[in-house]
Amino acid sequence: MKGLNVVSKHGEIFAIVLRKSYAGRGPNFFTPGEFSQQLGLLTHPKGKVVHRHRHKLVRREIFRTQEVLVVLEGRIRVELFDDAGAAVRTVLLRAGDAILLARGGHKVTILQDAKIIEVKQGPYAGFDDKEFF
């Protein structure tokens, strides 16, 4: 679909790129059910009410940290790598674009001054949380 790109290698999803230009209607979730992060876009008309609710306590076991980057301002380059460190693909993101980094490694280069929202599972474990290669 226009504005949505899935980056995969050998049937494994490495990233899901959601462009500002995505034109789908309604709530759309783009991630498989087994992902520890969900990426979705909620498109609602004026007057829509999401009724008050809370999320129940649910025990989840997470083995792979997945993160979402939302570019609010600027331009960035995200290089994706497989688990062996081989390059998979390079993705350019602009203001309004988002990417879910699902597996493998990644490198982010800021091409223009940028403001980026990052969402991932916590708590952050410091340098024990990352392996640089």
C-alpha atoms as a PDB file:
ATOM      1  CA  MET A   1       0.000   0.000   0.000  1.00  0.00           C
ATOM      2  CA  LYS A   2       1.247   3.492  -0.775  1.00  0.00           C
ATOM      3  CA  GLY A   3       3.095   4.980   2.164  1.00  0.00           C
ATOM      4  CA  LEU A   4       3.784   1.650   3.875  1.00  0.00           C
ATOM      5  CA  ASN A   5       6.955  -0.372   3.288  1.00  0.00           C
ATOM      6  CA  VAL A   6       7.944  -3.620   4.953  1.00  0.00           C
ATOM      7  CA  VAL A   7      11.680  -4.375   4.887  1.00  0.00           C
ATOM      8  CA  SER A   8      12.266  -8.101   5.042  1.00  0.00           C
ATOM      9  CA  LYS A   9      14.952 -10.651   4.284  1.00  0.00           C
ATOM     10  CA  HIS A  10      14.367 -14.407   4.025  1.00  0.00           C
ATOM     11  CA  GLY A  11      10.817 -13.947   5.306  1.00  0.00           C
ATOM     12  CA  GLU A  12      11.899 -12.086   8.471  1.00  0.00           C
ATOM     13  CA  ILE A  13      10.678  -8.513   9.007  1.00  0.00           C
ATOM     14  CA  PHE A  14      13.519  -6.128   9.876  1.00  0.00           C
ATOM     15  CA  ALA A  15      11.552  -2.885   9.764  1.00  0.00           C
ATOM     16  CA  ILE A  16       8.193  -1.380   8.923  1.00  0.00           C
ATOM     17  CA  VAL A  17       8.272   2.122   7.454  1.00  0.00           C
ATOM     18  CA  LEU A  18       5.164   4.279   7.729  1.00  0.00           C
ATOM     19  CA  ARG A  19       5.301   7.422   5.616  1.00  0.00           C
ATOM     20  CA  LYS A  20       3.448  10.625   6.319  1.00  0.00           C
ATOM     21  CA  SER A  21       1.762  10.064   2.944  1.00  0.00           C
ATOM     22  CA  TYR A  22       0.012   6.842   4.064  1.00  0.00           C
ATOM     23  CA  ALA A  23      -3.644   7.196   3.084  1.00  0.00           C
ATOM     24  CA  GLY A  24      -5.360   4.256   4.800  1.00  0.00           C
ATOM     25  CA  ARG A  25      -8.576   4.914   6.704  1.00  0.00           C
ATOM     26  CA  GLY A  26      -9.597   3.861  10.185  1.00  0.00           C
ATOM     27  CA  PRO A  27      -7.408   2.220  12.766  1.00  0.00           C
ATOM     28  CA  ASN A  28      -4.712   0.177  11.031  1.00  0.00           C
ATOM     29  CA  PHE A  29      -2.096  -1.940  12.770  1.00  0.00           C
ATOM     30  CA  PHE A  30       0.814  -3.049  10.617  1.00  0.00           C
ATOM     31  CA  THR A  31       2.705  -5.409  12.915  1.00  0.00           C
ATOM     32  CA  PRO A  32       2.225  -9.153  13.317  1.00  0.00           C
ATOM     33  CA  GLY A  33       0.624 -10.273  16.575  1.00  0.00           C
ATOM     34  CA  GLU A  34       3.836 -11.788  17.936  1.00  0.00           C
ATOM     35  CA  PHE A  35       5.746  -8.468  17.849  1.00  0.00           C
ATOM     36  CA  SER A  36       6.464  -6.938  21.253  1.00  0.00           C
ATOM     37  CA  GLN A  37       5.698  -3.469  19.852  1.00  0.00           C
ATOM     38  CA  GLN A  38       2.634  -2.576  17.820  1.00  0.00           C
ATOM     39  CA  LEU A  39       2.783   0.020  15.070  1.00  0.00           C
ATOM     40  CA  GLY A  40      -0.520   1.453  13.975  1.00  0.00           C
ATOM     41  CA  LEU A  41      -2.095   4.553  12.570  1.00  0.00           C
ATOM     42  CA  LEU A  42      -5.400   5.774  13.921  1.00  0.00           C
ATOM     43  CA  THR A  43      -7.381   7.917  11.496  1.00  0.00           C
ATOM     44  CA  HIS A  44     -10.637   9.170  12.984  1.00  0.00           C
ATOM     45  CA  PRO A  45     -13.202  11.727  11.838  1.00  0.00           C
ATOM     46  CA  LYS A  46     -14.112  14.769  13.889  1.00  0.00           C
ATOM     47  CA  GLY A  47     -16.463  13.819  16.699  1.00  0.00           C
ATOM     48  CA  LYS A  48     -15.181  10.259  17.114  1.00  0.00           C
ATOM     49  CA  VAL A  49     -14.897   9.290  20.770  1.00  0.00           C
ATOM     50  CA  VAL A  50     -12.597   6.577  22.051  1.00  0.00           C
ATOM     51  CA  HIS A  51     -14.477   5.663  25.204  1.00  0.00           C
ATOM     52  CA  ARG A  52     -12.627   5.778  28.484  1.00  0.00           C
ATOM     53  CA  HIS A  53     -10.733   2.643  29.207  1.00  0.00           C
ATOM     54  CA  ARG A  54      -7.624   1.278  30.855  1.00  0.00           C
ATOM     55  CA  HIS A  55      -5.358  -1.550  29.956  1.00  0.00           C
ATOM     56  CA  LYS A  56      -5.383  -4.633  32.133  1.00  0.00           C
ATOM     57  CA  LEU A  57      -2.235  -5.948  33.751  1.00  0.00           C
ATOM     58  CA  VAL A  58      -0.963  -8.665  31.448  1.00  0.00           C
ATOM     59  CA  ARG A  59       2.302 -10.527  31.978  1.00  0.00           C
ATOM     60  CA  ARG A  60       4.377 -10.474  28.801  1.00  0.00           C
ATOM     61  CA  GLU A  61       7.726 -12.066  28.131  1.00  0.00           C
ATOM     62  CA  ILE A  62       9.936 -10.040  25.790  1.00  0.00           C
ATOM     63  CA  PHE A  63      13.162 -11.335  24.283  1.00  0.00           C
ATOM     64  CA  ARG A  64      13.779  -8.846  21.473  1.00  0.00           C
ATOM     65  CA  THR A  65      13.810  -5.091  21.982  1.00  0.00           C
ATOM     66  CA  GLN A  66      11.904  -3.364  19.208  1.00  0.00           C
ATOM     67  CA  GLU A  67      11.804   0.390  18.844  1.00  0.00           C
ATOM     68  CA  VAL A  68       9.807   2.970  16.954  1.00  0.00           C
ATOM     69  CA  LEU A  69      11.281   6.229  15.676  1.00  0.00           C
ATOM     70  CA  VAL A  70       8.916   9.040  14.679  1.00  0.00           C
ATOM     71  CA  VAL A  71      10.600  11.938  12.877  1.00  0.00           C
ATOM     72  CA  LEU A  72       8.921  15.187  13.898  1.00  0.00           C
ATOM     73  CA  GLU A  73      11.446  17.504  12.230  1.00  0.00           C
ATOM     74  CA  GLY A  74      14.460  17.065   9.979  1.00  0.00           C
ATOM     75  CA  ARG A  75      15.766  14.178   7.938  1.00  0.00           C
ATOM     76  CA  ILE A  76      17.567  10.975   8.953  1.00  0.00           C
ATOM     77  CA  ARG A  77      19.094   7.913   7.330  1.00  0.00           C
ATOM     78  CA  VAL A  78      18.530   4.504   8.923  1.00  0.00           C
ATOM     79  CA  GLU A  79      20.794   1.657   7.844  1.00  0.00           C
ATOM     80  CA  LEU A  80      19.448  -1.823   8.613  1.00  0.00           C
ATOM     81  CA  PHE A  81      21.630  -4.898   9.228  1.00  0.00           C
ATOM     82  CA  ASP A  82      20.844  -8.577   9.714  1.00  0.00           C
ATOM     83  CA  ASP A  83      21.930 -10.519  12.802  1.00  0.00           C
ATOM     84  CA  ALA A  84      25.278 -11.330  11.152  1.00  0.00           C
ATOM     85  CA  GLY A  85      25.962  -7.619  10.538  1.00  0.00           C
ATOM     86  CA  ALA A  86      25.341  -7.694   6.768  1.00  0.00           C
ATOM     87  CA  ALA A  87      23.576  -4.680   5.257  1.00  0.00           C
ATOM     88  CA  VAL A  88      19.878  -5.233   4.514  1.00  0.00           C
ATOM     89  CA  ARG A  89      18.668  -1.815   3.347  1.00  0.00           C
ATOM     90  CA  THR A  90      18.980   1.920   3.884  1.00  0.00           C
ATOM     91  CA  VAL A  91      15.873   4.011   4.516  1.00  0.00           C
ATOM     92  CA  LEU A  92      15.577   7.815   4.412  1.00  0.00           C
ATOM     93  CA  LEU A  93      12.999   9.357   6.741  1.00  0.00           C
ATOM     94  CA  ARG A  94      11.582  12.875   6.752  1.00  0.00           C
ATOM     95  CA  ALA A  95       9.295  14.797   9.100  1.00  0.00           C
ATOM     96  CA  GLY A  96       6.089  12.839   9.597  1.00  0.00           C
ATOM     97  CA  ASP A  97       7.625   9.433   8.792  1.00  0.00           C
ATOM     98  CA  ALA A  98       7.994   6.583  11.290  1.00  0.00           C
ATOM     99  CA  ILE A  99       9.879   3.302  11.393  1.00  0.00           C
ATOM    100  CA  LEU A 100       9.525   0.251  13.613  1.00  0.00           C
ATOM    101  CA  LEU A 101      12.908  -1.438  14.023  1.00  0.00           C
ATOM    102  CA  ALA A 102      11.935  -5.059  14.509  1.00  0.00           C
ATOM    103  CA  ARG A 103      15.136  -7.133  14.408  1.00  0.00           C
ATOM    104  CA  GLY A 104      18.790  -7.085  13.446  1.00  0.00           C
ATOM    105  CA  GLY A 105      20.917  -3.985  13.887  1.00  0.00           C
ATOM    106  CA  HIS A 106      20.589  -0.392  12.819  1.00  0.00           C
ATOM    107  CA  LYS A 107      22.607   2.786  12.437  1.00  0.00           C
ATOM    108  CA  VAL A 108      21.000   6.235  12.431  1.00  0.00           C
ATOM    109  CA  THR A 109      22.640   9.236  10.773  1.00  0.00           C
ATOM    110  CA  ILE A 110      21.123  12.694  11.215  1.00  0.00           C
ATOM    111  CA  LEU A 111      21.069  14.415   7.808  1.00  0.00           C
ATOM    112  CA  GLN A 112      19.308  17.603   8.966  1.00  0.00           C
ATOM    113  CA  ASP A 113      18.765  18.855  12.506  1.00  0.00           C
ATOM    114  CA  ALA A 114      16.112  16.483  13.765  1.00  0.00           C
ATOM    115  CA  LYS A 115      13.531  16.035  16.489  1.00  0.00           C
ATOM    116  CA  ILE A 116      12.688  12.341  16.906  1.00  0.00           C
ATOM    117  CA  ILE A 117      10.362  10.475  19.230  1.00  0.00           C
ATOM    118  CA  GLU A 118      11.752   7.065  20.243  1.00  0.00           C
ATOM    119  CA  VAL A 119       9.550   4.419  21.846  1.00  0.00           C
ATOM    120  CA  LYS A 120      10.826   1.035  23.039  1.00  0.00           C
ATOM    121  CA  GLN A 121      10.414  -1.394  25.893  1.00  0.00           C
ATOM    122  CA  GLY A 122      11.825  -0.315  29.188  1.00  0.00           C
ATOM    123  CA  PRO A 123      13.385   0.039  31.528  1.00  0.00           C
ATOM    124  CA  TYR A 124      16.553   0.966  29.661  1.00  0.00           C
ATOM    125  CA  ALA A 125      19.408  -1.278  30.776  1.00  0.00           C
ATOM    126  CA  GLY A 126      22.189   1.151  29.867  1.00  0.00           C
ATOM    127  CA  PHE A 127      25.101  -0.205  27.865  1.00  0.00           C
ATOM    128  CA  ASP A 128      24.094  -3.771  28.800  1.00  0.00           C
ATOM    129  CA  ASP A 129      21.131  -3.178  26.479  1.00  0.00           C
ATOM    130  CA  LYS A 130      23.228  -2.637  23.315  1.00  0.00           C
ATOM    131  CA  GLU A 131      25.905  -4.495  21.389  1.00  0.00           C
ATOM    132  CA  PHE A 132      27.984  -2.275  19.105  1.00  0.00           C
ATOM    133  CA  PHE A 133      29.392  -3.905  15.964  1.00  0.00           C
END
